């Protein structure tokens, strides 16, 4: 039995054994996390912050575009819904979260 135990010890501590650890073992994971943070997570957080600011700054008379491409002027504001005037006299009820872009004043002047 002694010779078997000795053979196992040599196999686990030989030149082909895995490294014992250290900071170099974790370096690839840290690099991947930093890469994902700057490529995916950070831009998404920035977009979410800008969208929140847009929702808070909405006022009656603002010209906006929805996710579906519908452009109109805000005629009524609710807590979670907005009424858009898409043509003179034609109004559409949309969710606030569906608004993605605020246009400069006067952009829809020729249409509305």
PDB file of N, CA and C in Angstrom:
ATOM      1  N   UNK A   1       0.806  -1.206   0.000  1.00  0.00           N
ATOM      2  CA  UNK A   1       0.000   0.000   0.000  1.00  0.00           C
ATOM      3  C   UNK A   1       0.846   1.266   0.000  1.00  0.00           C
ATOM      4  N   UNK A   2       1.991   1.193   0.532  1.00  0.00           N
ATOM      5  CA  UNK A   2       2.841   2.369   0.594  1.00  0.00           C
ATOM      6  C   UNK A   2       3.237   2.819  -0.811  1.00  0.00           C
ATOM      7  N   UNK A   3       3.514   1.896  -1.680  1.00  0.00           N
ATOM      8  CA  UNK A   3       3.922   2.270  -3.028  1.00  0.00           C
ATOM      9  C   UNK A   3       2.775   2.918  -3.804  1.00  0.00           C
ATOM     10  N   UNK A   4       1.539   2.504  -3.551  1.00  0.00           N
ATOM     11  CA  UNK A   4       0.381   3.114  -4.215  1.00  0.00           C
ATOM     12  C   UNK A   4       0.199   4.542  -3.730  1.00  0.00           C
ATOM     13  N   UNK A   5       0.290   4.782  -2.459  1.00  0.00           N
ATOM     14  CA  UNK A   5       0.140   6.122  -1.905  1.00  0.00           C
ATOM     15  C   UNK A   5       1.237   7.042  -2.417  1.00  0.00           C
ATOM     16  N   UNK A   6       2.443   6.506  -2.515  1.00  0.00           N
ATOM     17  CA  UNK A   6       3.550   7.298  -3.019  1.00  0.00           C
ATOM     18  C   UNK A   6       3.320   7.687  -4.482  1.00  0.00           C
ATOM     19  N   UNK A   7       2.770   6.798  -5.277  1.00  0.00           N
ATOM     20  CA  UNK A   7       2.501   7.075  -6.679  1.00  0.00           C
ATOM     21  C   UNK A   7       1.438   8.148  -6.828  1.00  0.00           C
ATOM     22  N   UNK A   8       0.437   8.153  -5.979  1.00  0.00           N
ATOM     23  CA  UNK A   8      -0.607   9.175  -6.042  1.00  0.00           C
ATOM     24  C   UNK A   8      -0.046  10.541  -5.668  1.00  0.00           C
ATOM     25  N   UNK A   9       0.818  10.571  -4.711  1.00  0.00           N
ATOM     26  CA  UNK A   9       1.402  11.842  -4.301  1.00  0.00           C
ATOM     27  C   UNK A   9       2.255  12.431  -5.407  1.00  0.00           C
ATOM     28  N   UNK A  10       2.986  11.653  -6.081  1.00  0.00           N
ATOM     29  CA  UNK A  10       3.830  12.115  -7.171  1.00  0.00           C
ATOM     30  C   UNK A  10       2.966  12.633  -8.317  1.00  0.00           C
ATOM     31  N   UNK A  11       1.862  11.974  -8.596  1.00  0.00           N
ATOM     32  CA  UNK A  11       1.000  12.385  -9.697  1.00  0.00           C
ATOM     33  C   UNK A  11       0.341  13.726  -9.421  1.00  0.00           C
ATOM     34  N   UNK A  12      -0.003  14.018  -8.187  1.00  0.00           N
ATOM     35  CA  UNK A  12      -0.690  15.275  -7.880  1.00  0.00           C
ATOM     36  C   UNK A  12       0.260  16.438  -7.692  1.00  0.00           C
ATOM     37  N   UNK A  13       1.522  16.177  -7.425  1.00  0.00           N
ATOM     38  CA  UNK A  13       2.449  17.285  -7.195  1.00  0.00           C
ATOM     39  C   UNK A  13       3.534  17.353  -8.255  1.00  0.00           C
ATOM     40  N   UNK A  14       3.354  16.679  -9.346  1.00  0.00           N
ATOM     41  CA  UNK A  14       4.374  16.664 -10.386  1.00  0.00           C
ATOM     42  C   UNK A  14       4.373  17.925 -11.217  1.00  0.00           C
ATOM     43  N   UNK A  15       5.131  17.926 -12.270  1.00  0.00           N
ATOM     44  CA  UNK A  15       5.280  19.089 -13.136  1.00  0.00           C
ATOM     45  C   UNK A  15       4.012  19.383 -13.919  1.00  0.00           C
ATOM     46  N   UNK A  16       3.145  18.403 -14.135  1.00  0.00           N
ATOM     47  CA  UNK A  16       1.911  18.599 -14.898  1.00  0.00           C
ATOM     48  C   UNK A  16       0.727  18.995 -14.023  1.00  0.00           C
ATOM     49  N   UNK A  17       0.938  19.226 -12.752  1.00  0.00           N
ATOM     50  CA  UNK A  17      -0.163  19.563 -11.847  1.00  0.00           C
ATOM     51  C   UNK A  17      -0.636  20.996 -12.105  1.00  0.00           C
ATOM     52  N   UNK A  18      -1.885  21.277 -11.715  1.00  0.00           N
ATOM     53  CA  UNK A  18      -2.470  22.614 -11.883  1.00  0.00           C
ATOM     54  C   UNK A  18      -1.817  23.589 -10.918  1.00  0.00           C
ATOM     55  N   UNK A  19      -1.792  24.886 -11.245  1.00  0.00           N
ATOM     56  CA  UNK A  19      -1.214  25.861 -10.330  1.00  0.00           C
ATOM     57  C   UNK A  19      -2.008  25.927  -9.026  1.00  0.00           C
ATOM     58  N   UNK A  20      -1.352  26.324  -7.985  1.00  0.00           N
ATOM     59  CA  UNK A  20      -1.961  26.326  -6.663  1.00  0.00           C
ATOM     60  C   UNK A  20      -2.929  27.495  -6.458  1.00  0.00           C
ATOM     61  N   UNK A  21      -3.003  28.462  -7.313  1.00  0.00           N
ATOM     62  CA  UNK A  21      -3.916  29.592  -7.150  1.00  0.00           C
ATOM     63  C   UNK A  21      -3.157  30.895  -7.253  1.00  0.00           C
ATOM     64  N   UNK A  22      -3.625  31.859  -6.518  1.00  0.00           N
ATOM     65  CA  UNK A  22      -2.996  33.160  -6.567  1.00  0.00           C
ATOM     66  C   UNK A  22      -3.836  34.115  -7.399  1.00  0.00           C
ATOM     67  N   UNK A  23      -3.368  35.303  -7.494  1.00  0.00           N
ATOM     68  CA  UNK A  23      -4.139  36.329  -8.202  1.00  0.00           C
ATOM     69  C   UNK A  23      -4.191  36.083  -9.699  1.00  0.00           C
ATOM     70  N   UNK A  24      -3.194  35.434 -10.239  1.00  0.00           N
ATOM     71  CA  UNK A  24      -3.171  35.180 -11.679  1.00  0.00           C
ATOM     72  C   UNK A  24      -4.278  34.220 -12.113  1.00  0.00           C
ATOM     73  N   UNK A  25      -4.755  33.396 -11.205  1.00  0.00           N
ATOM     74  CA  UNK A  25      -5.839  32.471 -11.535  1.00  0.00           C
ATOM     75  C   UNK A  25      -7.153  33.230 -11.726  1.00  0.00           C
ATOM     76  N   UNK A  26      -7.319  34.354 -11.041  1.00  0.00           N
ATOM     77  CA  UNK A  26      -8.556  35.130 -11.123  1.00  0.00           C
ATOM     78  C   UNK A  26      -8.495  36.264 -12.140  1.00  0.00           C
ATOM     79  N   UNK A  27      -7.348  36.537 -12.669  1.00  0.00           N
ATOM     80  CA  UNK A  27      -7.173  37.639 -13.606  1.00  0.00           C
ATOM     81  C   UNK A  27      -8.076  37.549 -14.840  1.00  0.00           C
ATOM     82  N   UNK A  28      -8.230  36.391 -15.491  1.00  0.00           N
ATOM     83  CA  UNK A  28      -9.135  36.330 -16.644  1.00  0.00           C
ATOM     84  C   UNK A  28     -10.585  36.675 -16.297  1.00  0.00           C
ATOM     85  N   UNK A  29     -11.042  36.252 -15.124  1.00  0.00           N
ATOM     86  CA  UNK A  29     -12.411  36.558 -14.711  1.00  0.00           C
ATOM     87  C   UNK A  29     -12.597  38.051 -14.469  1.00  0.00           C
ATOM     88  N   UNK A  30     -11.603  38.678 -13.873  1.00  0.00           N
ATOM     89  CA  UNK A  30     -11.669  40.120 -13.623  1.00  0.00           C
ATOM     90  C   UNK A  30     -11.675  40.886 -14.944  1.00  0.00           C
ATOM     91  N   UNK A  31     -10.845  40.484 -15.872  1.00  0.00           N
ATOM     92  CA  UNK A  31     -10.779  41.153 -17.176  1.00  0.00           C
ATOM     93  C   UNK A  31     -12.108  41.006 -17.919  1.00  0.00           C
ATOM     94  N   UNK A  32     -12.687  39.812 -17.886  1.00  0.00           N
ATOM     95  CA  UNK A  32     -13.978  39.590 -18.550  1.00  0.00           C
ATOM     96  C   UNK A  32     -15.064  40.433 -17.904  1.00  0.00           C
ATOM     97  N   UNK A  33     -15.098  40.504 -16.571  1.00  0.00           N
ATOM     98  CA  UNK A  33     -16.106  41.317 -15.884  1.00  0.00           C
ATOM     99  C   UNK A  33     -15.972  42.791 -16.242  1.00  0.00           C
ATOM    100  N   UNK A  34     -14.756  43.308 -16.255  1.00  0.00           N
ATOM    101  CA  UNK A  34     -14.540  44.721 -16.604  1.00  0.00           C
ATOM    102  C   UNK A  34     -14.971  44.977 -18.045  1.00  0.00           C
ATOM    103  N   UNK A  35     -14.655  44.071 -18.942  1.00  0.00           N
ATOM    104  CA  UNK A  35     -15.063  44.199 -20.342  1.00  0.00           C
ATOM    105  C   UNK A  35     -16.584  44.231 -20.466  1.00  0.00           C
ATOM    106  N   UNK A  36     -17.273  43.311 -19.817  1.00  0.00           N
ATOM    107  CA  UNK A  36     -18.740  43.271 -19.866  1.00  0.00           C
ATOM    108  C   UNK A  36     -19.328  44.527 -19.240  1.00  0.00           C
ATOM    109  N   UNK A  37     -18.723  45.014 -18.165  1.00  0.00           N
ATOM    110  CA  UNK A  37     -19.221  46.220 -17.500  1.00  0.00           C
ATOM    111  C   UNK A  37     -19.209  47.421 -18.457  1.00  0.00           C
ATOM    112  N   UNK A  38     -18.087  47.625 -19.147  1.00  0.00           N
ATOM    113  CA  UNK A  38     -17.971  48.798 -20.010  1.00  0.00           C
ATOM    114  C   UNK A  38     -18.684  48.640 -21.343  1.00  0.00           C
ATOM    115  N   UNK A  39     -18.899  47.426 -21.811  1.00  0.00           N
ATOM    116  CA  UNK A  39     -19.547  47.205 -23.097  1.00  0.00           C
ATOM    117  C   UNK A  39     -21.065  47.066 -22.964  1.00  0.00           C
ATOM    118  N   UNK A  40     -21.550  46.452 -21.890  1.00  0.00           N
ATOM    119  CA  UNK A  40     -22.979  46.153 -21.801  1.00  0.00           C
ATOM    120  C   UNK A  40     -23.695  46.862 -20.655  1.00  0.00           C
ATOM    121  N   UNK A  41     -23.198  46.749 -19.449  1.00  0.00           N
ATOM    122  CA  UNK A  41     -23.932  47.200 -18.270  1.00  0.00           C
ATOM    123  C   UNK A  41     -23.944  48.723 -18.163  1.00  0.00           C
ATOM    124  N   UNK A  42     -22.803  49.356 -18.293  1.00  0.00           N
ATOM    125  CA  UNK A  42     -22.714  50.813 -18.138  1.00  0.00           C
ATOM    126  C   UNK A  42     -23.552  51.580 -19.155  1.00  0.00           C
ATOM    127  N   UNK A  43     -23.508  51.242 -20.459  1.00  0.00           N
ATOM    128  CA  UNK A  43     -24.362  51.961 -21.410  1.00  0.00           C
ATOM    129  C   UNK A  43     -25.853  51.768 -21.138  1.00  0.00           C
ATOM    130  N   UNK A  44     -26.245  50.568 -20.683  1.00  0.00           N
ATOM    131  CA  UNK A  44     -27.652  50.332 -20.375  1.00  0.00           C
ATOM    132  C   UNK A  44     -28.103  51.181 -19.188  1.00  0.00           C
ATOM    133  N   UNK A  45     -27.263  51.306 -18.178  1.00  0.00           N
ATOM    134  CA  UNK A  45     -27.595  52.143 -17.029  1.00  0.00           C
ATOM    135  C   UNK A  45     -27.706  53.612 -17.447  1.00  0.00           C
ATOM    136  N   UNK A  46     -26.834  54.049 -18.348  1.00  0.00           N
ATOM    137  CA  UNK A  46     -26.864  55.430 -18.826  1.00  0.00           C
ATOM    138  C   UNK A  46     -28.163  55.704 -19.590  1.00  0.00           C
ATOM    139  N   UNK A  47     -28.565  54.752 -20.466  1.00  0.00           N
ATOM    140  CA  UNK A  47     -29.823  54.909 -21.209  1.00  0.00           C
ATOM    141  C   UNK A  47     -31.024  54.954 -20.283  1.00  0.00           C
ATOM    142  N   UNK A  48     -31.028  54.108 -19.261  1.00  0.00           N
ATOM    143  CA  UNK A  48     -32.131  54.079 -18.300  1.00  0.00           C
ATOM    144  C   UNK A  48     -32.223  55.403 -17.538  1.00  0.00           C
ATOM    145  N   UNK A  49     -31.095  55.971 -17.178  1.00  0.00           N
ATOM    146  CA  UNK A  49     -31.073  57.250 -16.472  1.00  0.00           C
ATOM    147  C   UNK A  49     -31.606  58.375 -17.367  1.00  0.00           C
ATOM    148  N   UNK A  50     -31.186  58.385 -18.635  1.00  0.00           N
ATOM    149  CA  UNK A  50     -31.669  59.406 -19.574  1.00  0.00           C
ATOM    150  C   UNK A  50     -33.174  59.267 -19.810  1.00  0.00           C
ATOM    151  N   UNK A  51     -33.675  58.033 -19.906  1.00  0.00           N
ATOM    152  CA  UNK A  51     -35.107  57.818 -20.125  1.00  0.00           C
ATOM    153  C   UNK A  51     -35.907  58.270 -18.905  1.00  0.00           C
ATOM    154  N   UNK A  52     -35.387  58.028 -17.714  1.00  0.00           N
ATOM    155  CA  UNK A  52     -36.058  58.470 -16.489  1.00  0.00           C
ATOM    156  C   UNK A  52     -36.142  60.001 -16.445  1.00  0.00           C
ATOM    157  N   UNK A  53     -35.051  60.667 -16.834  1.00  0.00           N
ATOM    158  CA  UNK A  53     -35.059  62.134 -16.873  1.00  0.00           C
ATOM    159  C   UNK A  53     -36.070  62.648 -17.894  1.00  0.00           C
ATOM    160  N   UNK A  54     -36.178  61.961 -19.041  1.00  0.00           N
ATOM    161  CA  UNK A  54     -37.148  62.345 -20.063  1.00  0.00           C
ATOM    162  C   UNK A  54     -38.565  62.224 -19.518  1.00  0.00           C
ATOM    163  N   UNK A  55     -38.859  61.134 -18.825  1.00  0.00           N
ATOM    164  CA  UNK A  55     -40.199  60.920 -18.280  1.00  0.00           C
ATOM    165  C   UNK A  55     -40.550  61.976 -17.229  1.00  0.00           C
ATOM    166  N   UNK A  56     -39.568  62.363 -16.426  1.00  0.00           N
ATOM    167  CA  UNK A  56     -39.809  63.366 -15.391  1.00  0.00           C
ATOM    168  C   UNK A  56     -39.980  64.770 -15.975  1.00  0.00           C
ATOM    169  N   UNK A  57     -39.385  65.035 -17.125  1.00  0.00           N
ATOM    170  CA  UNK A  57     -39.429  66.377 -17.692  1.00  0.00           C
ATOM    171  C   UNK A  57     -40.574  66.570 -18.694  1.00  0.00           C
ATOM    172  N   UNK A  58     -41.382  65.543 -18.944  1.00  0.00           N
ATOM    173  CA  UNK A  58     -42.489  65.691 -19.898  1.00  0.00           C
ATOM    174  C   UNK A  58     -43.492  66.731 -19.421  1.00  0.00           C
ATOM    175  N   UNK A  59     -43.926  67.564 -20.348  1.00  0.00           N
ATOM    176  CA  UNK A  59     -44.925  68.595 -20.050  1.00  0.00           C
ATOM    177  C   UNK A  59     -45.941  68.640 -21.172  1.00  0.00           C
ATOM    178  N   UNK A  60     -47.066  69.242 -20.873  1.00  0.00           N
ATOM    179  CA  UNK A  60     -48.093  69.427 -21.888  1.00  0.00           C
ATOM    180  C   UNK A  60     -47.531  70.320 -22.993  1.00  0.00           C
ATOM    181  N   UNK A  61     -47.707  69.901 -24.255  1.00  0.00           N
ATOM    182  CA  UNK A  61     -47.212  70.668 -25.390  1.00  0.00           C
ATOM    183  C   UNK A  61     -45.901  70.161 -25.953  1.00  0.00           C
ATOM    184  N   UNK A  62     -45.233  69.243 -25.241  1.00  0.00           N
ATOM    185  CA  UNK A  62     -43.992  68.665 -25.759  1.00  0.00           C
ATOM    186  C   UNK A  62     -44.283  67.781 -26.964  1.00  0.00           C
ATOM    187  N   UNK A  63     -43.374  67.778 -27.908  1.00  0.00           N
ATOM    188  CA  UNK A  63     -43.501  66.922 -29.088  1.00  0.00           C
ATOM    189  C   UNK A  63     -42.597  65.716 -28.889  1.00  0.00           C
ATOM    190  N   UNK A  64     -43.192  64.508 -29.022  1.00  0.00           N
ATOM    191  CA  UNK A  64     -42.471  63.280 -28.696  1.00  0.00           C
ATOM    192  C   UNK A  64     -42.673  62.222 -29.773  1.00  0.00           C
ATOM    193  N   UNK A  65     -41.830  61.175 -29.706  1.00  0.00           N
ATOM    194  CA  UNK A  65     -41.932  60.015 -30.588  1.00  0.00           C
ATOM    195  C   UNK A  65     -42.010  58.780 -29.697  1.00  0.00           C
ATOM    196  N   UNK A  66     -42.894  57.831 -30.047  1.00  0.00           N
ATOM    197  CA  UNK A  66     -43.044  56.607 -29.281  1.00  0.00           C
ATOM    198  C   UNK A  66     -42.157  55.504 -29.852  1.00  0.00           C
ATOM    199  N   UNK A  67     -42.117  54.365 -29.168  1.00  0.00           N
ATOM    200  CA  UNK A  67     -41.331  53.224 -29.633  1.00  0.00           C
ATOM    201  C   UNK A  67     -41.793  52.742 -30.986  1.00  0.00           C
ATOM    202  N   UNK A  68     -43.072  52.845 -31.262  1.00  0.00           N
ATOM    203  CA  UNK A  68     -43.611  52.396 -32.538  1.00  0.00           C
ATOM    204  C   UNK A  68     -43.435  53.396 -33.660  1.00  0.00           C
ATOM    205  N   UNK A  69     -42.851  54.553 -33.375  1.00  0.00           N
ATOM    206  CA  UNK A  69     -42.613  55.550 -34.408  1.00  0.00           C
ATOM    207  C   UNK A  69     -43.719  56.580 -34.528  1.00  0.00           C
ATOM    208  N   UNK A  70     -44.694  56.545 -33.642  1.00  0.00           N
ATOM    209  CA  UNK A  70     -45.799  57.492 -33.661  1.00  0.00           C
ATOM    210  C   UNK A  70     -45.327  58.822 -33.072  1.00  0.00           C
ATOM    211  N   UNK A  71     -45.490  59.894 -33.827  1.00  0.00           N
ATOM    212  CA  UNK A  71     -45.059  61.215 -33.373  1.00  0.00           C
ATOM    213  C   UNK A  71     -46.285  62.058 -33.076  1.00  0.00           C
ATOM    214  N   UNK A  72     -46.218  62.821 -32.006  1.00  0.00           N
ATOM    215  CA  UNK A  72     -47.344  63.671 -31.651  1.00  0.00           C
ATOM    216  C   UNK A  72     -46.985  64.648 -30.559  1.00  0.00           C
ATOM    217  N   UNK A  73     -47.977  65.464 -30.214  1.00  0.00           N
ATOM    218  CA  UNK A  73     -47.810  66.484 -29.179  1.00  0.00           C
ATOM    219  C   UNK A  73     -48.565  66.030 -27.932  1.00  0.00           C
ATOM    220  N   UNK A  74     -47.947  66.161 -26.774  1.00  0.00           N
ATOM    221  CA  UNK A  74     -48.570  65.763 -25.515  1.00  0.00           C
ATOM    222  C   UNK A  74     -49.717  66.719 -25.215  1.00  0.00           C
ATOM    223  N   UNK A  75     -50.937  66.162 -25.065  1.00  0.00           N
ATOM    224  CA  UNK A  75     -52.073  67.014 -24.738  1.00  0.00           C
ATOM    225  C   UNK A  75     -52.548  66.805 -23.306  1.00  0.00           C
ATOM    226  N   UNK A  76     -52.355  65.610 -22.757  1.00  0.00           N
ATOM    227  CA  UNK A  76     -52.723  65.344 -21.359  1.00  0.00           C
ATOM    228  C   UNK A  76     -51.683  64.400 -20.765  1.00  0.00           C
ATOM    229  N   UNK A  77     -51.369  64.637 -19.503  1.00  0.00           N
ATOM    230  CA  UNK A  77     -50.408  63.791 -18.796  1.00  0.00           C
ATOM    231  C   UNK A  77     -51.098  63.079 -17.647  1.00  0.00           C
ATOM    232  N   UNK A  78     -50.885  61.794 -17.548  1.00  0.00           N
ATOM    233  CA  UNK A  78     -51.357  61.023 -16.415  1.00  0.00           C
ATOM    234  C   UNK A  78     -50.163  60.439 -15.687  1.00  0.00           C
ATOM    235  N   UNK A  79     -50.452  59.636 -14.648  1.00  0.00           N
ATOM    236  CA  UNK A  79     -49.359  59.053 -13.887  1.00  0.00           C
ATOM    237  C   UNK A  79     -48.608  58.001 -14.696  1.00  0.00           C
ATOM    238  N   UNK A  80     -49.338  57.176 -15.429  1.00  0.00           N
ATOM    239  CA  UNK A  80     -48.669  56.151 -16.227  1.00  0.00           C
ATOM    240  C   UNK A  80     -49.062  56.193 -17.702  1.00  0.00           C
ATOM    241  N   UNK A  81     -49.953  57.080 -18.075  1.00  0.00           N
ATOM    242  CA  UNK A  81     -50.375  57.206 -19.469  1.00  0.00           C
ATOM    243  C   UNK A  81     -50.289  58.656 -19.927  1.00  0.00           C
ATOM    244  N   UNK A  82     -50.127  58.819 -21.244  1.00  0.00           N
ATOM    245  CA  UNK A  82     -50.039  60.137 -21.864  1.00  0.00           C
ATOM    246  C   UNK A  82     -50.976  60.141 -23.063  1.00  0.00           C
ATOM    247  N   UNK A  83     -51.692  61.242 -23.261  1.00  0.00           N
ATOM    248  CA  UNK A  83     -52.536  61.393 -24.444  1.00  0.00           C
ATOM    249  C   UNK A  83     -51.769  62.248 -25.440  1.00  0.00           C
ATOM    250  N   UNK A  84     -51.548  61.670 -26.634  1.00  0.00           N
ATOM    251  CA  UNK A  84     -50.835  62.373 -27.701  1.00  0.00           C
ATOM    252  C   UNK A  84     -51.820  62.822 -28.767  1.00  0.00           C
ATOM    253  N   UNK A  85     -51.648  64.041 -29.217  1.00  0.00           N
ATOM    254  CA  UNK A  85     -52.409  64.549 -30.354  1.00  0.00           C
ATOM    255  C   UNK A  85     -51.560  64.284 -31.596  1.00  0.00           C
ATOM    256  N   UNK A  86     -52.001  63.321 -32.425  1.00  0.00           N
ATOM    257  CA  UNK A  86     -51.219  62.951 -33.599  1.00  0.00           C
ATOM    258  C   UNK A  86     -51.624  63.750 -34.826  1.00  0.00           C
ATOM    259  N   UNK A  87     -52.862  64.130 -34.933  1.00  0.00           N
ATOM    260  CA  UNK A  87     -53.380  65.051 -35.947  1.00  0.00           C
ATOM    261  C   UNK A  87     -54.272  66.031 -35.215  1.00  0.00           C
ATOM    262  N   UNK A  88     -54.644  67.122 -35.844  1.00  0.00           N
ATOM    263  CA  UNK A  88     -55.511  68.059 -35.147  1.00  0.00           C
ATOM    264  C   UNK A  88     -56.849  67.370 -34.874  1.00  0.00           C
ATOM    265  N   UNK A  89     -57.140  67.174 -33.600  1.00  0.00           N
ATOM    266  CA  UNK A  89     -58.380  66.538 -33.180  1.00  0.00           C
ATOM    267  C   UNK A  89     -58.274  65.040 -32.969  1.00  0.00           C
ATOM    268  N   UNK A  90     -57.237  64.400 -33.431  1.00  0.00           N
ATOM    269  CA  UNK A  90     -57.067  62.955 -33.252  1.00  0.00           C
ATOM    270  C   UNK A  90     -56.076  62.706 -32.116  1.00  0.00           C
ATOM    271  N   UNK A  91     -56.563  62.034 -31.066  1.00  0.00           N
ATOM    272  CA  UNK A  91     -55.727  61.780 -29.908  1.00  0.00           C
ATOM    273  C   UNK A  91     -55.552  60.283 -29.692  1.00  0.00           C
ATOM    274  N   UNK A  92     -54.384  59.915 -29.159  1.00  0.00           N
ATOM    275  CA  UNK A  92     -54.037  58.524 -28.901  1.00  0.00           C
ATOM    276  C   UNK A  92     -53.527  58.424 -27.472  1.00  0.00           C
ATOM    277  N   UNK A  93     -53.964  57.369 -26.768  1.00  0.00           N
ATOM    278  CA  UNK A  93     -53.509  57.116 -25.409  1.00  0.00           C
ATOM    279  C   UNK A  93     -52.332  56.133 -25.462  1.00  0.00           C
ATOM    280  N   UNK A  94     -51.183  56.517 -24.905  1.00  0.00           N
ATOM    281  CA  UNK A  94     -49.998  55.651 -24.889  1.00  0.00           C
ATOM    282  C   UNK A  94     -49.422  55.613 -23.473  1.00  0.00           C
ATOM    283  N   UNK A  95     -48.680  54.552 -23.186  1.00  0.00           N
ATOM    284  CA  UNK A  95     -47.992  54.471 -21.903  1.00  0.00           C
ATOM    285  C   UNK A  95     -46.807  55.424 -21.893  1.00  0.00           C
ATOM    286  N   UNK A  96     -46.505  55.929 -20.717  1.00  0.00           N
ATOM    287  CA  UNK A  96     -45.362  56.837 -20.601  1.00  0.00           C
ATOM    288  C   UNK A  96     -44.065  56.153 -21.001  1.00  0.00           C
ATOM    289  N   UNK A  97     -43.922  54.881 -20.655  1.00  0.00           N
ATOM    290  CA  UNK A  97     -42.680  54.156 -20.952  1.00  0.00           C
ATOM    291  C   UNK A  97     -42.469  53.977 -22.450  1.00  0.00           C
ATOM    292  N   UNK A  98     -43.516  54.119 -23.249  1.00  0.00           N
ATOM    293  CA  UNK A  98     -43.395  53.949 -24.701  1.00  0.00           C
ATOM    294  C   UNK A  98     -42.782  55.165 -25.381  1.00  0.00           C
ATOM    295  N   UNK A  99     -42.682  56.263 -24.681  1.00  0.00           N
ATOM    296  CA  UNK A  99     -42.094  57.477 -25.253  1.00  0.00           C
ATOM    297  C   UNK A  99     -40.574  57.359 -25.167  1.00  0.00           C
ATOM    298  N   UNK A 100     -39.906  57.490 -26.315  1.00  0.00           N
ATOM    299  CA  UNK A 100     -38.456  57.296 -26.352  1.00  0.00           C
ATOM    300  C   UNK A 100     -37.673  58.543 -26.725  1.00  0.00           C
ATOM    301  N   UNK A 101     -38.337  59.548 -27.269  1.00  0.00           N
ATOM    302  CA  UNK A 101     -37.601  60.700 -27.762  1.00  0.00           C
ATOM    303  C   UNK A 101     -38.458  61.950 -27.655  1.00  0.00           C
ATOM    304  N   UNK A 102     -37.864  63.027 -27.184  1.00  0.00           N
ATOM    305  CA  UNK A 102     -38.520  64.330 -27.172  1.00  0.00           C
ATOM    306  C   UNK A 102     -37.942  65.151 -28.323  1.00  0.00           C
ATOM    307  N   UNK A 103     -38.823  65.651 -29.173  1.00  0.00           N
ATOM    308  CA  UNK A 103     -38.393  66.435 -30.333  1.00  0.00           C
ATOM    309  C   UNK A 103     -38.287  67.908 -29.969  1.00  0.00           C
ATOM    310  N   UNK A 104     -37.498  68.671 -30.696  1.00  0.00           N
ATOM    311  CA  UNK A 104     -37.443  70.116 -30.474  1.00  0.00           C
ATOM    312  C   UNK A 104     -38.800  70.750 -30.790  1.00  0.00           C
ATOM    313  N   UNK A 105     -39.122  71.818 -30.095  1.00  0.00           N
ATOM    314  CA  UNK A 105     -40.397  72.526 -30.307  1.00  0.00           C
ATOM    315  C   UNK A 105     -40.500  72.982 -31.759  1.00  0.00           C
ATOM    316  N   UNK A 106     -41.674  72.798 -32.343  1.00  0.00           N
ATOM    317  CA  UNK A 106     -41.917  73.237 -33.701  1.00  0.00           C
ATOM    318  C   UNK A 106     -41.613  72.195 -34.761  1.00  0.00           C
ATOM    319  N   UNK A 107     -41.151  71.029 -34.376  1.00  0.00           N
ATOM    320  CA  UNK A 107     -40.815  69.990 -35.352  1.00  0.00           C
ATOM    321  C   UNK A 107     -42.064  69.502 -36.059  1.00  0.00           C
ATOM    322  N   UNK A 108     -43.153  69.338 -35.348  1.00  0.00           N
ATOM    323  CA  UNK A 108     -44.395  68.813 -35.922  1.00  0.00           C
ATOM    324  C   UNK A 108     -45.379  69.922 -36.295  1.00  0.00           C
ATOM    325  N   UNK A 109     -44.910  71.142 -36.406  1.00  0.00           N
ATOM    326  CA  UNK A 109     -45.774  72.284 -36.666  1.00  0.00           C
ATOM    327  C   UNK A 109     -46.553  72.145 -37.971  1.00  0.00           C
ATOM    328  N   UNK A 110     -45.953  71.628 -38.997  1.00  0.00           N
ATOM    329  CA  UNK A 110     -46.619  71.511 -40.288  1.00  0.00           C
ATOM    330  C   UNK A 110     -47.663  70.409 -40.290  1.00  0.00           C
ATOM    331  N   UNK A 111     -47.501  69.409 -39.427  1.00  0.00           N
ATOM    332  CA  UNK A 111     -48.431  68.272 -39.406  1.00  0.00           C
ATOM    333  C   UNK A 111     -49.624  68.548 -38.511  1.00  0.00           C
ATOM    334  N   UNK A 112     -49.374  69.103 -37.347  1.00  0.00           N
ATOM    335  CA  UNK A 112     -50.455  69.316 -36.365  1.00  0.00           C
ATOM    336  C   UNK A 112     -51.088  70.661 -36.545  1.00  0.00           C
TER     337      UNK A 112
END
